[in-house]
Amino acid sequence: MVDPTSDATPAANGLTTAEIAERYDRALNTVQKHWVTNPRWPAALPTKRGNWKLYDAAAVDEIVRAVFVPEAPEPVGDPGDLLTQSEVAAYLGIATGTLRGYISRGQYVEPDDTKGGKRWYRRTVDANRPQRRPAIKRADR
């Protein structure tokens, strides 16, 4: 229920898909074709801004944080632990092959220890998390 003492109408709190894309630093096409089509996406508000549908900002924020842009987990373990490639990949939640690709293309930091294999301190891994977007699992696949 809308608070009658508030001058904010539902449209004032509504966001267009273009505003959502800007707010979360994503392509407009990603928001329109992937996010809005998700079954958990909130229904559009009854009002529009021009031809743009409006979505409740709080509901959008909730689903984006839960499904599309989850928060990074808190670091676990001792920062001084040495981790192998497979342990780093598991810790970051990526495939070992993906990490190898990052390393070979120079997109990941050099190992802290190369005696007996490539190993990184956990603190190095925490400070250098790759900037990737999580994969979106579609229900029809």
Foldseek 3Di string as FASTA:
>chain_A
DDDPVDPDDQVNQWDFLVRVCVVVVHDSCCCVPPVCPDPQQDDFDPDADVPTTTDGNVSRVVCCCVAWNDDDDDDDDDQQDKDALCRLCVSLVHHSVVSVVCVVVVNADFAPDCVVHGIHGNNSSVVTRDDDIDDHDDPVD
